[in-house]
Amino acid sequence: MKRKSLYVVIILAVITIVIAALNSSFLQAKKLSKEECRERFNEKVVQDIKSSFPELKVLDNPNDYIQEYSHSDLDKAMMATGGTAAPYIEPVYQLFSGAFTGDPKFFIAQPDDIAATDKYDSGFVGYFLYKTDQTNIMIKLRPGEKSWDIVENKKAKGKIIPWKCGK
């Protein structure tokens, strides 16, 4: 009886070791590429920023037309127009310079509660979002006659988002 119990324990130990080895090799195969890891990190950063400013809920509404732009998107727009778009988007372009945690993003939305005015002939709103350490920043812009105008600049304490992509 003692021998049977010993054999059962040994067999269970071997099975456990084999399962652990298989899980380890499976997890290594599932490692994220640097690009996927960076993308996930940036998503976490943007979600933290959005959580700091309730008005950014407009960016999560699937029924609204939301456009997202990166620094390279603005570079492409400048090249595509031969630089003629420069006077209009230069204020936004300048916001992309500096040191950030994650990649800054520029969103354009048309919230229901924003209407055209004498100064702004459309209901479009731009939101430039970025993070520095534990500070979340939202710069709100409106499309003016000749360029995007900064209409509001808000800061809020955010979370530290750890970089978990290796060295």
C-alpha atoms as a PDB file:
ATOM      1  CA  MET A   1       0.000   0.000   0.000  1.00  0.00           C
ATOM      2  CA  LYS A   2       2.841   2.392   0.856  1.00  0.00           C
ATOM      3  CA  ARG A   3       4.537   1.547  -2.448  1.00  0.00           C
ATOM      4  CA  LYS A   4       1.388   2.343  -4.416  1.00  0.00           C
ATOM      5  CA  SER A   5       1.102   5.699  -2.684  1.00  0.00           C
ATOM      6  CA  LEU A   6       4.755   6.441  -3.416  1.00  0.00           C
ATOM      7  CA  TYR A   7       4.295   5.582  -7.118  1.00  0.00           C
ATOM      8  CA  VAL A   8       1.206   7.779  -7.341  1.00  0.00           C
ATOM      9  CA  VAL A   9       3.080  10.705  -5.759  1.00  0.00           C
ATOM     10  CA  ILE A  10       6.036  10.238  -8.138  1.00  0.00           C
ATOM     11  CA  ILE A  11       3.754  10.032 -11.192  1.00  0.00           C
ATOM     12  CA  LEU A  12       1.842  13.153 -10.097  1.00  0.00           C
ATOM     13  CA  ALA A  13       5.131  15.010  -9.552  1.00  0.00           C
ATOM     14  CA  VAL A  14       6.361  14.062 -13.041  1.00  0.00           C
ATOM     15  CA  ILE A  15       3.042  15.127 -14.598  1.00  0.00           C
ATOM     16  CA  THR A  16       3.213  18.449 -12.732  1.00  0.00           C
ATOM     17  CA  ILE A  17       6.769  19.079 -13.972  1.00  0.00           C
ATOM     18  CA  VAL A  18       5.793  18.257 -17.574  1.00  0.00           C
ATOM     19  CA  ILE A  19       2.755  20.557 -17.421  1.00  0.00           C
ATOM     20  CA  ALA A  20       4.858  23.378 -15.941  1.00  0.00           C
ATOM     21  CA  ALA A  21       7.463  22.960 -18.690  1.00  0.00           C
ATOM     22  CA  LEU A  22       4.792  23.038 -21.399  1.00  0.00           C
ATOM     23  CA  ASN A  23       3.167  26.148 -19.902  1.00  0.00           C
ATOM     24  CA  SER A  24       6.526  27.890 -19.725  1.00  0.00           C
ATOM     25  CA  SER A  25       7.306  27.215 -23.383  1.00  0.00           C
ATOM     26  CA  PHE A  26       3.756  28.269 -24.354  1.00  0.00           C
ATOM     27  CA  LEU A  27       4.126  31.565 -22.484  1.00  0.00           C
ATOM     28  CA  GLN A  28       7.470  32.236 -24.144  1.00  0.00           C
ATOM     29  CA  ALA A  29       5.874  31.681 -27.544  1.00  0.00           C
ATOM     30  CA  LYS A  30       3.177  34.247 -26.593  1.00  0.00           C
ATOM     31  CA  LYS A  31       5.685  37.044 -25.832  1.00  0.00           C
ATOM     32  CA  LEU A  32       4.656  40.288 -27.430  1.00  0.00           C
ATOM     33  CA  SER A  33       6.682  41.964 -30.118  1.00  0.00           C
ATOM     34  CA  LYS A  34       8.150  45.361 -29.230  1.00  0.00           C
ATOM     35  CA  GLU A  35       5.528  47.051 -31.400  1.00  0.00           C
ATOM     36  CA  GLU A  36       2.619  45.178 -29.764  1.00  0.00           C
ATOM     37  CA  CYS A  37       4.013  45.934 -26.323  1.00  0.00           C
ATOM     38  CA  ARG A  38       4.438  49.627 -27.139  1.00  0.00           C
ATOM     39  CA  GLU A  39       0.891  49.743 -28.494  1.00  0.00           C
ATOM     40  CA  ARG A  40      -0.526  48.208 -25.293  1.00  0.00           C
ATOM     41  CA  PHE A  41       1.510  50.602 -23.167  1.00  0.00           C
ATOM     42  CA  ASN A  42       0.212  53.593 -25.159  1.00  0.00           C
ATOM     43  CA  GLU A  43      -3.368  52.307 -24.827  1.00  0.00           C
ATOM     44  CA  LYS A  44      -2.964  52.176 -21.037  1.00  0.00           C
ATOM     45  CA  VAL A  45      -1.545  55.707 -21.010  1.00  0.00           C
ATOM     46  CA  VAL A  46      -4.449  57.072 -23.095  1.00  0.00           C
ATOM     47  CA  GLN A  47      -7.007  55.255 -20.915  1.00  0.00           C
ATOM     48  CA  ASP A  48      -5.469  56.801 -17.788  1.00  0.00           C
ATOM     49  CA  ILE A  49      -5.626  60.266 -19.355  1.00  0.00           C
ATOM     50  CA  LYS A  50      -9.250  59.750 -20.425  1.00  0.00           C
ATOM     51  CA  SER A  51     -10.160  58.683 -16.896  1.00  0.00           C
ATOM     52  CA  SER A  52      -8.892  62.039 -15.578  1.00  0.00           C
ATOM     53  CA  PHE A  53     -11.177  64.198 -17.717  1.00  0.00           C
ATOM     54  CA  PRO A  54     -14.905  63.300 -17.854  1.00  0.00           C
ATOM     55  CA  GLU A  55     -15.485  65.310 -21.048  1.00  0.00           C
ATOM     56  CA  LEU A  56     -13.252  62.833 -22.912  1.00  0.00           C
ATOM     57  CA  LYS A  57     -16.046  60.250 -22.731  1.00  0.00           C
ATOM     58  CA  VAL A  58     -17.015  61.660 -26.118  1.00  0.00           C
ATOM     59  CA  LEU A  59     -13.971  59.838 -27.527  1.00  0.00           C
ATOM     60  CA  ASP A  60     -15.421  56.465 -26.516  1.00  0.00           C
ATOM     61  CA  ASN A  61     -18.835  56.886 -28.129  1.00  0.00           C
ATOM     62  CA  PRO A  62     -18.980  54.365 -31.012  1.00  0.00           C
ATOM     63  CA  ASN A  63     -21.736  56.371 -32.745  1.00  0.00           C
ATOM     64  CA  ASP A  64     -19.603  59.501 -33.070  1.00  0.00           C
ATOM     65  CA  TYR A  65     -17.052  60.108 -35.765  1.00  0.00           C
ATOM     66  CA  ILE A  66     -13.740  60.357 -33.920  1.00  0.00           C
ATOM     67  CA  GLN A  67     -10.454  60.789 -35.720  1.00  0.00           C
ATOM     68  CA  GLU A  68      -7.094  60.067 -34.060  1.00  0.00           C
ATOM     69  CA  TYR A  69      -3.810  61.562 -35.247  1.00  0.00           C
ATOM     70  CA  SER A  70      -0.203  60.902 -34.328  1.00  0.00           C
ATOM     71  CA  HIS A  71       2.845  63.035 -35.012  1.00  0.00           C
ATOM     72  CA  SER A  72       3.639  60.988 -38.118  1.00  0.00           C
ATOM     73  CA  ASP A  73       0.069  61.534 -39.385  1.00  0.00           C
ATOM     74  CA  LEU A  74       0.672  65.282 -39.299  1.00  0.00           C
ATOM     75  CA  ASP A  75       3.993  64.786 -41.100  1.00  0.00           C
ATOM     76  CA  LYS A  76       2.146  62.915 -43.854  1.00  0.00           C
ATOM     77  CA  ALA A  77      -0.480  65.661 -44.116  1.00  0.00           C
ATOM     78  CA  MET A  78       2.247  68.280 -44.479  1.00  0.00           C
ATOM     79  CA  MET A  79       3.964  66.285 -47.225  1.00  0.00           C
ATOM     80  CA  ALA A  80       0.692  65.485 -49.006  1.00  0.00           C
ATOM     81  CA  THR A  81      -0.197  69.175 -49.230  1.00  0.00           C
ATOM     82  CA  GLY A  82       3.303  70.325 -50.120  1.00  0.00           C
ATOM     83  CA  GLY A  83       3.409  72.256 -46.873  1.00  0.00           C
ATOM     84  CA  THR A  84       0.279  74.308 -47.588  1.00  0.00           C
ATOM     85  CA  ALA A  85      -1.442  72.801 -44.538  1.00  0.00           C
ATOM     86  CA  ALA A  86       1.368  74.088 -42.328  1.00  0.00           C
ATOM     87  CA  PRO A  87      -0.218  77.409 -41.286  1.00  0.00           C
ATOM     88  CA  TYR A  88      -3.379  75.637 -40.174  1.00  0.00           C
ATOM     89  CA  ILE A  89      -1.906  72.668 -38.319  1.00  0.00           C
ATOM     90  CA  GLU A  90       1.310  74.265 -37.055  1.00  0.00           C
ATOM     91  CA  PRO A  91      -0.109  74.929 -33.541  1.00  0.00           C
ATOM     92  CA  VAL A  92      -1.017  71.234 -33.211  1.00  0.00           C
ATOM     93  CA  TYR A  93       2.273  70.135 -34.753  1.00  0.00           C
ATOM     94  CA  GLN A  94       4.205  72.135 -32.144  1.00  0.00           C
ATOM     95  CA  LEU A  95       2.363  70.371 -29.311  1.00  0.00           C
ATOM     96  CA  PHE A  96       4.043  67.106 -30.313  1.00  0.00           C
ATOM     97  CA  SER A  97       7.492  68.407 -29.331  1.00  0.00           C
ATOM     98  CA  GLY A  98       8.723  67.566 -25.851  1.00  0.00           C
ATOM     99  CA  ALA A  99       9.224  64.624 -23.532  1.00  0.00           C
ATOM    100  CA  PHE A 100       6.223  62.409 -22.900  1.00  0.00           C
ATOM    101  CA  THR A 101       5.296  59.173 -21.176  1.00  0.00           C
ATOM    102  CA  GLY A 102       3.984  57.173 -24.105  1.00  0.00           C
ATOM    103  CA  ASP A 103       3.019  58.748 -27.396  1.00  0.00           C
ATOM    104  CA  PRO A 104       0.885  61.905 -27.363  1.00  0.00           C
ATOM    105  CA  LYS A 105      -2.350  61.744 -29.364  1.00  0.00           C
ATOM    106  CA  PHE A 106      -4.534  64.298 -31.092  1.00  0.00           C
ATOM    107  CA  PHE A 107      -8.228  63.461 -31.404  1.00  0.00           C
ATOM    108  CA  ILE A 108     -10.890  65.331 -33.324  1.00  0.00           C
ATOM    109  CA  ALA A 109     -14.516  64.894 -32.300  1.00  0.00           C
ATOM    110  CA  GLN A 110     -17.841  66.623 -32.728  1.00  0.00           C
ATOM    111  CA  PRO A 111     -19.531  66.487 -29.311  1.00  0.00           C
ATOM    112  CA  ASP A 112     -23.283  67.044 -29.169  1.00  0.00           C
ATOM    113  CA  ASP A 113     -22.976  69.859 -26.630  1.00  0.00           C
ATOM    114  CA  ILE A 114     -20.553  71.935 -28.765  1.00  0.00           C
ATOM    115  CA  ALA A 115     -22.081  74.242 -31.342  1.00  0.00           C
ATOM    116  CA  ALA A 116     -20.712  76.595 -33.927  1.00  0.00           C
ATOM    117  CA  THR A 117     -20.200  80.150 -32.731  1.00  0.00           C
ATOM    118  CA  ASP A 118     -19.248  83.473 -34.266  1.00  0.00           C
ATOM    119  CA  LYS A 119     -15.599  82.645 -33.716  1.00  0.00           C
ATOM    120  CA  TYR A 120     -15.756  78.910 -34.472  1.00  0.00           C
ATOM    121  CA  ASP A 121     -17.873  78.022 -37.471  1.00  0.00           C
ATOM    122  CA  SER A 122     -17.993  74.294 -36.707  1.00  0.00           C
ATOM    123  CA  GLY A 123     -18.750  72.064 -33.756  1.00  0.00           C
ATOM    124  CA  PHE A 124     -15.467  70.198 -34.087  1.00  0.00           C
ATOM    125  CA  VAL A 125     -13.184  69.978 -31.066  1.00  0.00           C
ATOM    126  CA  GLY A 126      -9.598  68.804 -30.916  1.00  0.00           C
ATOM    127  CA  TYR A 127      -8.166  67.107 -27.855  1.00  0.00           C
ATOM    128  CA  PHE A 128      -4.397  66.852 -27.549  1.00  0.00           C
ATOM    129  CA  LEU A 129      -3.643  64.285 -24.847  1.00  0.00           C
ATOM    130  CA  TYR A 130      -0.339  63.482 -23.237  1.00  0.00           C
ATOM    131  CA  LYS A 131       1.243  62.302 -20.020  1.00  0.00           C
ATOM    132  CA  THR A 132       4.402  63.313 -18.204  1.00  0.00           C
ATOM    133  CA  ASP A 133       5.271  61.067 -15.277  1.00  0.00           C
ATOM    134  CA  GLN A 134       2.145  61.239 -13.065  1.00  0.00           C
ATOM    135  CA  THR A 135       0.526  64.232 -14.742  1.00  0.00           C
ATOM    136  CA  ASN A 136      -2.209  63.803 -17.346  1.00  0.00           C
ATOM    137  CA  ILE A 137      -2.679  66.743 -19.680  1.00  0.00           C
ATOM    138  CA  MET A 138      -5.570  67.602 -21.982  1.00  0.00           C
ATOM    139  CA  ILE A 139      -5.341  70.560 -24.324  1.00  0.00           C
ATOM    140  CA  LYS A 140      -8.657  71.431 -25.929  1.00  0.00           C
ATOM    141  CA  LEU A 141      -8.587  73.123 -29.326  1.00  0.00           C
ATOM    142  CA  ARG A 142     -11.137  74.546 -31.749  1.00  0.00           C
ATOM    143  CA  PRO A 143     -10.620  75.079 -35.474  1.00  0.00           C
ATOM    144  CA  GLY A 144     -10.333  78.803 -35.977  1.00  0.00           C
ATOM    145  CA  GLU A 145     -10.278  80.812 -39.158  1.00  0.00           C
ATOM    146  CA  LYS A 146      -6.569  80.238 -39.871  1.00  0.00           C
ATOM    147  CA  SER A 147      -5.424  77.559 -37.405  1.00  0.00           C
ATOM    148  CA  TRP A 148      -6.385  75.419 -34.443  1.00  0.00           C
ATOM    149  CA  ASP A 149      -6.843  77.660 -31.389  1.00  0.00           C
ATOM    150  CA  ILE A 150      -6.052  76.442 -27.886  1.00  0.00           C
ATOM    151  CA  VAL A 151      -9.153  77.128 -25.787  1.00  0.00           C
ATOM    152  CA  GLU A 152      -8.384  75.150 -22.627  1.00  0.00           C
ATOM    153  CA  ASN A 153      -5.450  73.456 -20.936  1.00  0.00           C
ATOM    154  CA  LYS A 154      -6.145  71.057 -18.055  1.00  0.00           C
ATOM    155  CA  LYS A 155      -3.862  68.985 -15.859  1.00  0.00           C
ATOM    156  CA  ALA A 156      -4.728  66.175 -13.467  1.00  0.00           C
ATOM    157  CA  LYS A 157      -2.814  63.717 -11.363  1.00  0.00           C
ATOM    158  CA  GLY A 158      -2.637  60.344 -13.080  1.00  0.00           C
ATOM    159  CA  LYS A 159      -1.253  56.904 -12.422  1.00  0.00           C
ATOM    160  CA  ILE A 160       2.278  55.801 -13.053  1.00  0.00           C
ATOM    161  CA  ILE A 161       2.016  53.357 -15.937  1.00  0.00           C
ATOM    162  CA  PRO A 162       4.876  50.855 -15.707  1.00  0.00           C
ATOM    163  CA  TRP A 163       6.730  49.856 -18.864  1.00  0.00           C
ATOM    164  CA  LYS A 164       6.567  46.063 -18.911  1.00  0.00           C
ATOM    165  CA  CYS A 165       8.248  45.394 -22.230  1.00  0.00           C
ATOM    166  CA  GLY A 166      11.701  44.402 -21.122  1.00  0.00           C
ATOM    167  CA  LYS A 167      14.725  46.614 -21.244  1.00  0.00           C
END
